[in-house]
Amino acid sequence: MKLIIAIIKDEDNEAVSRALTKQDYRVTLIASTGGFLRSGRSTLLIGLEDEQVEKALEIIRQNCKKDDQAKEKRATVFVLNVVQFTQL
C-alpha cells in the first residue's frame, strides 16, 4: 500500500480532487500555505494500492494547470510506503 502526498495550488484543488474521486480514489484535503509569498496551497492525502500509483500521478499531472511563467512548480508529490492501515 502507498500514500501519495500531493501539494498543489489552491486553484487546482477542485479539478484534481474531482478527477481522482471520479476514478474511485479516496482523497483527504488539508489546507496549507507555502512557497512564494506564502500563496495558498492544498495538500491532498491519497491512500491507494501499489498498482494504482502511476494512474493517480497521471491524473494529478493532467489536472494541474500549467504556469505560463514556469517559475512555480505545478505540484510537489511524495509517494510513501504504508506499513499499516487501519480504519476505525
PDB file of N, CA and C in Angstrom:
ATOM      1  N   MET A   1       0.845  -1.180   0.000  1.00  0.00           N
ATOM      2  CA  MET A   1       0.000   0.000   0.000  1.00  0.00           C
ATOM      3  C   MET A   1       0.888   1.240   0.000  1.00  0.00           C
ATOM      4  N   LYS A   2       0.372   2.311  -0.599  1.00  0.00           N
ATOM      5  CA  LYS A   2       1.108   3.581  -0.718  1.00  0.00           C
ATOM      6  C   LYS A   2       0.257   4.735  -0.223  1.00  0.00           C
ATOM      7  N   LEU A   3       0.934   5.829   0.104  1.00  0.00           N
ATOM      8  CA  LEU A   3       0.283   7.086   0.435  1.00  0.00           C
ATOM      9  C   LEU A   3       0.907   8.155  -0.438  1.00  0.00           C
ATOM     10  N   ILE A   4       0.077   8.833  -1.229  1.00  0.00           N
ATOM     11  CA  ILE A   4       0.545   9.968  -2.019  1.00  0.00           C
ATOM     12  C   ILE A   4       0.207  11.232  -1.248  1.00  0.00           C
ATOM     13  N   ILE A   5       1.206  12.082  -1.079  1.00  0.00           N
ATOM     14  CA  ILE A   5       1.015  13.420  -0.516  1.00  0.00           C
ATOM     15  C   ILE A   5       1.294  14.375  -1.670  1.00  0.00           C
ATOM     16  N   ALA A   6       0.251  15.041  -2.139  1.00  0.00           N
ATOM     17  CA  ALA A   6       0.379  15.953  -3.276  1.00  0.00           C
ATOM     18  C   ALA A   6       0.092  17.372  -2.810  1.00  0.00           C
ATOM     19  N   ILE A   7       1.072  18.245  -2.948  1.00  0.00           N
ATOM     20  CA  ILE A   7       0.920  19.650  -2.581  1.00  0.00           C
ATOM     21  C   ILE A   7       0.711  20.422  -3.881  1.00  0.00           C
ATOM     22  N   ILE A   8      -0.490  20.976  -4.019  1.00  0.00           N
ATOM     23  CA  ILE A   8      -0.870  21.630  -5.269  1.00  0.00           C
ATOM     24  C   ILE A   8      -1.380  23.039  -4.985  1.00  0.00           C
ATOM     25  N   LYS A   9      -1.506  23.822  -6.037  1.00  0.00           N
ATOM     26  CA  LYS A   9      -2.070  25.165  -5.890  1.00  0.00           C
ATOM     27  C   LYS A   9      -3.550  25.060  -5.550  1.00  0.00           C
ATOM     28  N   ASP A  10      -4.043  25.993  -4.740  1.00  0.00           N
ATOM     29  CA  ASP A  10      -5.462  26.006  -4.387  1.00  0.00           C
ATOM     30  C   ASP A  10      -6.351  25.997  -5.627  1.00  0.00           C
ATOM     31  N   GLU A  11      -5.948  26.719  -6.644  1.00  0.00           N
ATOM     32  CA  GLU A  11      -6.769  26.823  -7.849  1.00  0.00           C
ATOM     33  C   GLU A  11      -6.892  25.494  -8.599  1.00  0.00           C
ATOM     34  N   ASP A  12      -6.000  24.553  -8.331  1.00  0.00           N
ATOM     35  CA  ASP A  12      -6.058  23.237  -8.975  1.00  0.00           C
ATOM     36  C   ASP A  12      -6.785  22.201  -8.128  1.00  0.00           C
ATOM     37  N   ASN A  13      -7.063  22.532  -6.886  1.00  0.00           N
ATOM     38  CA  ASN A  13      -7.638  21.566  -5.958  1.00  0.00           C
ATOM     39  C   ASN A  13      -8.925  20.937  -6.462  1.00  0.00           C
ATOM     40  N   GLU A  14      -9.851  21.747  -6.911  1.00  0.00           N
ATOM     41  CA  GLU A  14     -11.160  21.233  -7.335  1.00  0.00           C
ATOM     42  C   GLU A  14     -11.021  20.240  -8.493  1.00  0.00           C
ATOM     43  N   ALA A  15     -10.266  20.616  -9.512  1.00  0.00           N
ATOM     44  CA  ALA A  15     -10.113  19.751 -10.683  1.00  0.00           C
ATOM     45  C   ALA A  15      -9.400  18.444 -10.340  1.00  0.00           C
ATOM     46  N   VAL A  16      -8.340  18.540  -9.569  1.00  0.00           N
ATOM     47  CA  VAL A  16      -7.568  17.342  -9.208  1.00  0.00           C
ATOM     48  C   VAL A  16      -8.402  16.424  -8.315  1.00  0.00           C
ATOM     49  N   SER A  17      -9.007  16.980  -7.276  1.00  0.00           N
ATOM     50  CA  SER A  17      -9.810  16.175  -6.347  1.00  0.00           C
ATOM     51  C   SER A  17     -10.979  15.512  -7.068  1.00  0.00           C
ATOM     52  N   ARG A  18     -11.654  16.265  -7.904  1.00  0.00           N
ATOM     53  CA  ARG A  18     -12.805  15.727  -8.637  1.00  0.00           C
ATOM     54  C   ARG A  18     -12.382  14.595  -9.574  1.00  0.00           C
ATOM     55  N   ALA A  19     -11.281  14.783 -10.290  1.00  0.00           N
ATOM     56  CA  ALA A  19     -10.808  13.754 -11.221  1.00  0.00           C
ATOM     57  C   ALA A  19     -10.386  12.481 -10.475  1.00  0.00           C
ATOM     58  N   LEU A  20      -9.740  12.649  -9.338  1.00  0.00           N
ATOM     59  CA  LEU A  20      -9.335  11.478  -8.550  1.00  0.00           C
ATOM     60  C   LEU A  20     -10.538  10.728  -7.985  1.00  0.00           C
ATOM     61  N   THR A  21     -11.481  11.448  -7.403  1.00  0.00           N
ATOM     62  CA  THR A  21     -12.647  10.781  -6.817  1.00  0.00           C
ATOM     63  C   THR A  21     -13.531  10.151  -7.902  1.00  0.00           C
ATOM     64  N   LYS A  22     -13.543  10.743  -9.082  1.00  0.00           N
ATOM     65  CA  LYS A  22     -14.298  10.171 -10.198  1.00  0.00           C
ATOM     66  C   LYS A  22     -13.750   8.795 -10.579  1.00  0.00           C
ATOM     67  N   GLN A  23     -12.451   8.599 -10.358  1.00  0.00           N
ATOM     68  CA  GLN A  23     -11.804   7.315 -10.643  1.00  0.00           C
ATOM     69  C   GLN A  23     -11.735   6.422  -9.391  1.00  0.00           C
ATOM     70  N   ASP A  24     -12.552   6.759  -8.386  1.00  0.00           N
ATOM     71  CA  ASP A  24     -12.687   5.974  -7.143  1.00  0.00           C
ATOM     72  C   ASP A  24     -11.476   6.022  -6.213  1.00  0.00           C
ATOM     73  N   TYR A  25     -10.662   7.057  -6.308  1.00  0.00           N
ATOM     74  CA  TYR A  25      -9.604   7.274  -5.318  1.00  0.00           C
ATOM     75  C   TYR A  25     -10.218   8.044  -4.157  1.00  0.00           C
ATOM     76  N   ARG A  26      -9.792   7.737  -2.964  1.00  0.00           N
ATOM     77  CA  ARG A  26     -10.235   8.491  -1.800  1.00  0.00           C
ATOM     78  C   ARG A  26      -9.219   9.584  -1.516  1.00  0.00           C
ATOM     79  N   VAL A  27      -9.716  10.797  -1.359  1.00  0.00           N
ATOM     80  CA  VAL A  27      -8.845  11.966  -1.222  1.00  0.00           C
ATOM     81  C   VAL A  27      -9.217  12.728   0.042  1.00  0.00           C
ATOM     82  N   THR A  28      -8.216  13.061   0.843  1.00  0.00           N
ATOM     83  CA  THR A  28      -8.405  13.921   2.002  1.00  0.00           C
ATOM     84  C   THR A  28      -7.651  15.217   1.738  1.00  0.00           C
ATOM     85  N   LEU A  29      -8.323  16.342   1.930  1.00  0.00           N
ATOM     86  CA  LEU A  29      -7.748  17.663   1.671  1.00  0.00           C
ATOM     87  C   LEU A  29      -7.325  18.316   2.976  1.00  0.00           C
ATOM     88  N   ILE A  30      -6.119  18.879   2.965  1.00  0.00           N
ATOM     89  CA  ILE A  30      -5.627  19.682   4.079  1.00  0.00           C
ATOM     90  C   ILE A  30      -5.209  21.029   3.509  1.00  0.00           C
ATOM     91  N   ALA A  31      -5.811  22.107   3.979  1.00  0.00           N
ATOM     92  CA  ALA A  31      -5.415  23.446   3.530  1.00  0.00           C
ATOM     93  C   ALA A  31      -4.021  23.742   4.084  1.00  0.00           C
ATOM     94  N   SER A  32      -3.153  24.299   3.252  1.00  0.00           N
ATOM     95  CA  SER A  32      -1.786  24.577   3.685  1.00  0.00           C
ATOM     96  C   SER A  32      -1.267  25.820   2.966  1.00  0.00           C
ATOM     97  N   THR A  33      -0.155  26.348   3.442  1.00  0.00           N
ATOM     98  CA  THR A  33       0.463  27.505   2.794  1.00  0.00           C
ATOM     99  C   THR A  33       1.942  27.245   2.618  1.00  0.00           C
ATOM    100  N   GLY A  34       2.540  27.996   1.704  1.00  0.00           N
ATOM    101  CA  GLY A  34       3.974  27.848   1.496  1.00  0.00           C
ATOM    102  C   GLY A  34       4.363  28.414   0.152  1.00  0.00           C
ATOM    103  N   GLY A  35       5.636  28.333  -0.145  1.00  0.00           N
ATOM    104  CA  GLY A  35       6.119  28.803  -1.430  1.00  0.00           C
ATOM    105  C   GLY A  35       6.217  30.313  -1.492  1.00  0.00           C
ATOM    106  N   PHE A  36       6.301  30.819  -2.691  1.00  0.00           N
ATOM    107  CA  PHE A  36       6.481  32.238  -2.944  1.00  0.00           C
ATOM    108  C   PHE A  36       5.315  33.041  -2.375  1.00  0.00           C
ATOM    109  N   LEU A  37       5.604  34.024  -1.568  1.00  0.00           N
ATOM    110  CA  LEU A  37       4.612  34.897  -0.938  1.00  0.00           C
ATOM    111  C   LEU A  37       3.567  34.131  -0.122  1.00  0.00           C
ATOM    112  N   ARG A  38       3.925  32.959   0.326  1.00  0.00           N
ATOM    113  CA  ARG A  38       3.023  32.148   1.153  1.00  0.00           C
ATOM    114  C   ARG A  38       1.662  31.966   0.499  1.00  0.00           C
ATOM    115  N   SER A  39       1.674  31.746  -0.799  1.00  0.00           N
ATOM    116  CA  SER A  39       0.421  31.596  -1.534  1.00  0.00           C
ATOM    117  C   SER A  39      -0.309  30.323  -1.115  1.00  0.00           C
ATOM    118  N   GLY A  40      -1.614  30.318  -1.368  1.00  0.00           N
ATOM    119  CA  GLY A  40      -2.451  29.213  -0.939  1.00  0.00           C
ATOM    120  C   GLY A  40      -2.098  27.900  -1.608  1.00  0.00           C
ATOM    121  N   ARG A  41      -2.069  26.873  -0.821  1.00  0.00           N
ATOM    122  CA  ARG A  41      -1.791  25.533  -1.294  1.00  0.00           C
ATOM    123  C   ARG A  41      -2.810  24.587  -0.700  1.00  0.00           C
ATOM    124  N   SER A  42      -2.985  23.481  -1.361  1.00  0.00           N
ATOM    125  CA  SER A  42      -3.808  22.404  -0.852  1.00  0.00           C
ATOM    126  C   SER A  42      -2.936  21.162  -0.807  1.00  0.00           C
ATOM    127  N   THR A  43      -3.024  20.423   0.271  1.00  0.00           N
ATOM    128  CA  THR A  43      -2.296  19.165   0.397  1.00  0.00           C
ATOM    129  C   THR A  43      -3.312  18.044   0.345  1.00  0.00           C
ATOM    130  N   LEU A  44      -3.128  17.155  -0.613  1.00  0.00           N
ATOM    131  CA  LEU A  44      -4.026  16.026  -0.773  1.00  0.00           C
ATOM    132  C   LEU A  44      -3.347  14.767  -0.257  1.00  0.00           C
ATOM    133  N   LEU A  45      -4.073  14.000   0.541  1.00  0.00           N
ATOM    134  CA  LEU A  45      -3.601  12.702   1.012  1.00  0.00           C
ATOM    135  C   LEU A  45      -4.418  11.641   0.293  1.00  0.00           C
ATOM    136  N   ILE A  46      -3.728  10.736  -0.374  1.00  0.00           N
ATOM    137  CA  ILE A  46      -4.405   9.726  -1.184  1.00  0.00           C
ATOM    138  C   ILE A  46      -3.825   8.358  -0.833  1.00  0.00           C
ATOM    139  N   GLY A  47      -4.621   7.525  -0.209  1.00  0.00           N
ATOM    140  CA  GLY A  47      -4.203   6.164   0.096  1.00  0.00           C
ATOM    141  C   GLY A  47      -4.620   5.248  -1.033  1.00  0.00           C
ATOM    142  N   LEU A  48      -3.700   4.378  -1.493  1.00  0.00           N
ATOM    143  CA  LEU A  48      -4.000   3.537  -2.635  1.00  0.00           C
ATOM    144  C   LEU A  48      -3.094   2.318  -2.688  1.00  0.00           C
ATOM    145  N   GLU A  49      -3.459   1.378  -3.521  1.00  0.00           N
ATOM    146  CA  GLU A  49      -2.650   0.178  -3.708  1.00  0.00           C
ATOM    147  C   GLU A  49      -1.479   0.494  -4.639  1.00  0.00           C
ATOM    148  N   ASP A  50      -0.419  -0.288  -4.533  1.00  0.00           N
ATOM    149  CA  ASP A  50       0.796  -0.052  -5.305  1.00  0.00           C
ATOM    150  C   ASP A  50       0.527   0.103  -6.808  1.00  0.00           C
ATOM    151  N   GLU A  51      -0.335  -0.759  -7.345  1.00  0.00           N
ATOM    152  CA  GLU A  51      -0.578  -0.754  -8.788  1.00  0.00           C
ATOM    153  C   GLU A  51      -1.406   0.446  -9.247  1.00  0.00           C
ATOM    154  N   GLN A  52      -1.949   1.234  -8.333  1.00  0.00           N
ATOM    155  CA  GLN A  52      -2.754   2.402  -8.684  1.00  0.00           C
ATOM    156  C   GLN A  52      -1.943   3.701  -8.727  1.00  0.00           C
ATOM    157  N   VAL A  53      -0.703   3.653  -8.302  1.00  0.00           N
ATOM    158  CA  VAL A  53       0.106   4.870  -8.152  1.00  0.00           C
ATOM    159  C   VAL A  53       0.293   5.613  -9.466  1.00  0.00           C
ATOM    160  N   GLU A  54       0.716   4.928 -10.517  1.00  0.00           N
ATOM    161  CA  GLU A  54       1.003   5.605 -11.788  1.00  0.00           C
ATOM    162  C   GLU A  54      -0.240   6.286 -12.360  1.00  0.00           C
ATOM    163  N   LYS A  55      -1.383   5.636 -12.269  1.00  0.00           N
ATOM    164  CA  LYS A  55      -2.630   6.235 -12.764  1.00  0.00           C
ATOM    165  C   LYS A  55      -2.972   7.493 -11.972  1.00  0.00           C
ATOM    166  N   ALA A  56      -2.829   7.439 -10.645  1.00  0.00           N
ATOM    167  CA  ALA A  56      -3.106   8.611  -9.803  1.00  0.00           C
ATOM    168  C   ALA A  56      -2.160   9.761 -10.134  1.00  0.00           C
ATOM    169  N   LEU A  57      -0.889   9.460 -10.343  1.00  0.00           N
ATOM    170  CA  LEU A  57       0.075  10.504 -10.698  1.00  0.00           C
ATOM    171  C   LEU A  57      -0.274  11.134 -12.045  1.00  0.00           C
ATOM    172  N   GLU A  58      -0.725  10.336 -12.987  1.00  0.00           N
ATOM    173  CA  GLU A  58      -1.127  10.856 -14.290  1.00  0.00           C
ATOM    174  C   GLU A  58      -2.341  11.766 -14.159  1.00  0.00           C
ATOM    175  N   ILE A  59      -3.298  11.398 -13.315  1.00  0.00           N
ATOM    176  CA  ILE A  59      -4.475  12.244 -13.080  1.00  0.00           C
ATOM    177  C   ILE A  59      -4.054  13.583 -12.488  1.00  0.00           C
ATOM    178  N   ILE A  60      -3.137  13.562 -11.547  1.00  0.00           N
ATOM    179  CA  ILE A  60      -2.635  14.803 -10.943  1.00  0.00           C
ATOM    180  C   ILE A  60      -1.958  15.660 -12.006  1.00  0.00           C
ATOM    181  N   ARG A  61      -1.085  15.046 -12.817  1.00  0.00           N
ATOM    182  CA  ARG A  61      -0.392  15.781 -13.890  1.00  0.00           C
ATOM    183  C   ARG A  61      -1.381  16.442 -14.857  1.00  0.00           C
ATOM    184  N   GLN A  62      -2.393  15.708 -15.255  1.00  0.00           N
ATOM    185  CA  GLN A  62      -3.347  16.196 -16.251  1.00  0.00           C
ATOM    186  C   GLN A  62      -4.243  17.315 -15.724  1.00  0.00           C
ATOM    187  N   ASN A  63      -4.432  17.377 -14.422  1.00  0.00           N
ATOM    188  CA  ASN A  63      -5.401  18.329 -13.872  1.00  0.00           C
ATOM    189  C   ASN A  63      -4.785  19.515 -13.153  1.00  0.00           C
ATOM    190  N   CYS A  64      -3.470  19.620 -13.130  1.00  0.00           N
ATOM    191  CA  CYS A  64      -2.812  20.818 -12.603  1.00  0.00           C
ATOM    192  C   CYS A  64      -2.550  21.749 -13.778  1.00  0.00           C
ATOM    193  N   LYS A  65      -2.984  22.987 -13.638  1.00  0.00           N
ATOM    194  CA  LYS A  65      -2.796  23.966 -14.715  1.00  0.00           C
ATOM    195  C   LYS A  65      -1.315  24.259 -14.902  1.00  0.00           C
ATOM    196  N   LYS A  66      -0.931  24.436 -16.144  1.00  0.00           N
ATOM    197  CA  LYS A  66       0.451  24.790 -16.446  1.00  0.00           C
ATOM    198  C   LYS A  66       0.639  26.278 -16.225  1.00  0.00           C
ATOM    199  N   ASP A  67       1.747  26.640 -15.590  1.00  0.00           N
ATOM    200  CA  ASP A  67       2.078  28.029 -15.330  1.00  0.00           C
ATOM    201  C   ASP A  67       2.781  28.609 -16.550  1.00  0.00           C
ATOM    202  N   ASP A  68       2.226  29.691 -17.106  1.00  0.00           N
ATOM    203  CA  ASP A  68       2.815  30.320 -18.282  1.00  0.00           C
ATOM    204  C   ASP A  68       4.240  30.797 -18.029  1.00  0.00           C
ATOM    205  N   GLN A  69       4.497  31.256 -16.817  1.00  0.00           N
ATOM    206  CA  GLN A  69       5.815  31.785 -16.494  1.00  0.00           C
ATOM    207  C   GLN A  69       6.793  30.684 -16.109  1.00  0.00           C
ATOM    208  N   ALA A  70       6.284  29.520 -15.768  1.00  0.00           N
ATOM    209  CA  ALA A  70       7.093  28.348 -15.396  1.00  0.00           C
ATOM    210  C   ALA A  70       8.033  28.625 -14.224  1.00  0.00           C
ATOM    211  N   LYS A  71       7.704  29.607 -13.388  1.00  0.00           N
ATOM    212  CA  LYS A  71       8.521  29.892 -12.215  1.00  0.00           C
ATOM    213  C   LYS A  71       8.136  28.997 -11.047  1.00  0.00           C
ATOM    214  N   GLU A  72       6.864  28.669 -10.970  1.00  0.00           N
ATOM    215  CA  GLU A  72       6.376  27.826  -9.894  1.00  0.00           C
ATOM    216  C   GLU A  72       6.142  26.415 -10.397  1.00  0.00           C
ATOM    217  N   LYS A  73       6.389  25.476  -9.531  1.00  0.00           N
ATOM    218  CA  LYS A  73       6.095  24.086  -9.861  1.00  0.00           C
ATOM    219  C   LYS A  73       4.596  23.874  -9.815  1.00  0.00           C
ATOM    220  N   ARG A  74       4.089  22.977 -10.629  1.00  0.00           N
ATOM    221  CA  ARG A  74       2.659  22.676 -10.659  1.00  0.00           C
ATOM    222  C   ARG A  74       2.249  21.907  -9.415  1.00  0.00           C
ATOM    223  N   ALA A  75       3.106  21.014  -8.960  1.00  0.00           N
ATOM    224  CA  ALA A  75       2.783  20.203  -7.784  1.00  0.00           C
ATOM    225  C   ALA A  75       4.079  19.634  -7.212  1.00  0.00           C
ATOM    226  N   THR A  76       4.049  19.359  -5.929  1.00  0.00           N
ATOM    227  CA  THR A  76       5.111  18.600  -5.285  1.00  0.00           C
ATOM    228  C   THR A  76       4.450  17.341  -4.758  1.00  0.00           C
ATOM    229  N   VAL A  77       4.968  16.187  -5.176  1.00  0.00           N
ATOM    230  CA  VAL A  77       4.300  14.928  -4.866  1.00  0.00           C
ATOM    231  C   VAL A  77       5.285  13.972  -4.196  1.00  0.00           C
ATOM    232  N   PHE A  78       4.843  13.393  -3.085  1.00  0.00           N
ATOM    233  CA  PHE A  78       5.604  12.373  -2.379  1.00  0.00           C
ATOM    234  C   PHE A  78       4.813  11.075  -2.443  1.00  0.00           C
ATOM    235  N   VAL A  79       5.489   9.975  -2.697  1.00  0.00           N
ATOM    236  CA  VAL A  79       4.854   8.652  -2.671  1.00  0.00           C
ATOM    237  C   VAL A  79       5.559   7.856  -1.576  1.00  0.00           C
ATOM    238  N   LEU A  80       4.795   7.496  -0.555  1.00  0.00           N
ATOM    239  CA  LEU A  80       5.361   6.828   0.619  1.00  0.00           C
ATOM    240  C   LEU A  80       4.825   5.403   0.760  1.00  0.00           C
ATOM    241  N   ASN A  81       5.653   4.524   1.283  1.00  0.00           N
ATOM    242  CA  ASN A  81       5.198   3.181   1.623  1.00  0.00           C
ATOM    243  C   ASN A  81       4.381   3.248   2.912  1.00  0.00           C
ATOM    244  N   VAL A  82       3.322   2.470   2.971  1.00  0.00           N
ATOM    245  CA  VAL A  82       2.478   2.403   4.165  1.00  0.00           C
ATOM    246  C   VAL A  82       2.697   1.043   4.817  1.00  0.00           C
ATOM    247  N   VAL A  83       3.125   1.056   6.049  1.00  0.00           N
ATOM    248  CA  VAL A  83       3.386  -0.182   6.766  1.00  0.00           C
ATOM    249  C   VAL A  83       2.084  -0.775   7.295  1.00  0.00           C
ATOM    250  N   GLN A  84       1.219   0.086   7.797  1.00  0.00           N
ATOM    251  CA  GLN A  84      -0.046  -0.387   8.364  1.00  0.00           C
ATOM    252  C   GLN A  84      -1.151   0.599   8.056  1.00  0.00           C
ATOM    253  N   PHE A  85      -2.338   0.072   7.794  1.00  0.00           N
ATOM    254  CA  PHE A  85      -3.515   0.888   7.506  1.00  0.00           C
ATOM    255  C   PHE A  85      -4.669   0.333   8.303  1.00  0.00           C
ATOM    256  N   THR A  86      -5.337   1.199   9.079  1.00  0.00           N
ATOM    257  CA  THR A  86      -6.471   0.778   9.901  1.00  0.00           C
ATOM    258  C   THR A  86      -7.559   1.824   9.809  1.00  0.00           C
ATOM    259  N   GLN A  87      -8.802   1.404   9.653  1.00  0.00           N
ATOM    260  CA  GLN A  87      -9.948   2.311   9.721  1.00  0.00           C
ATOM    261  C   GLN A  87     -10.720   1.969  10.978  1.00  0.00           C
ATOM    262  N   LEU A  88     -11.065   2.988  11.747  1.00  0.00           N
ATOM    263  CA  LEU A  88     -11.815   2.770  12.996  1.00  0.00           C
ATOM    264  C   LEU A  88     -13.185   3.385  12.900  1.00  0.00           C
TER     265      LEU A  88
END
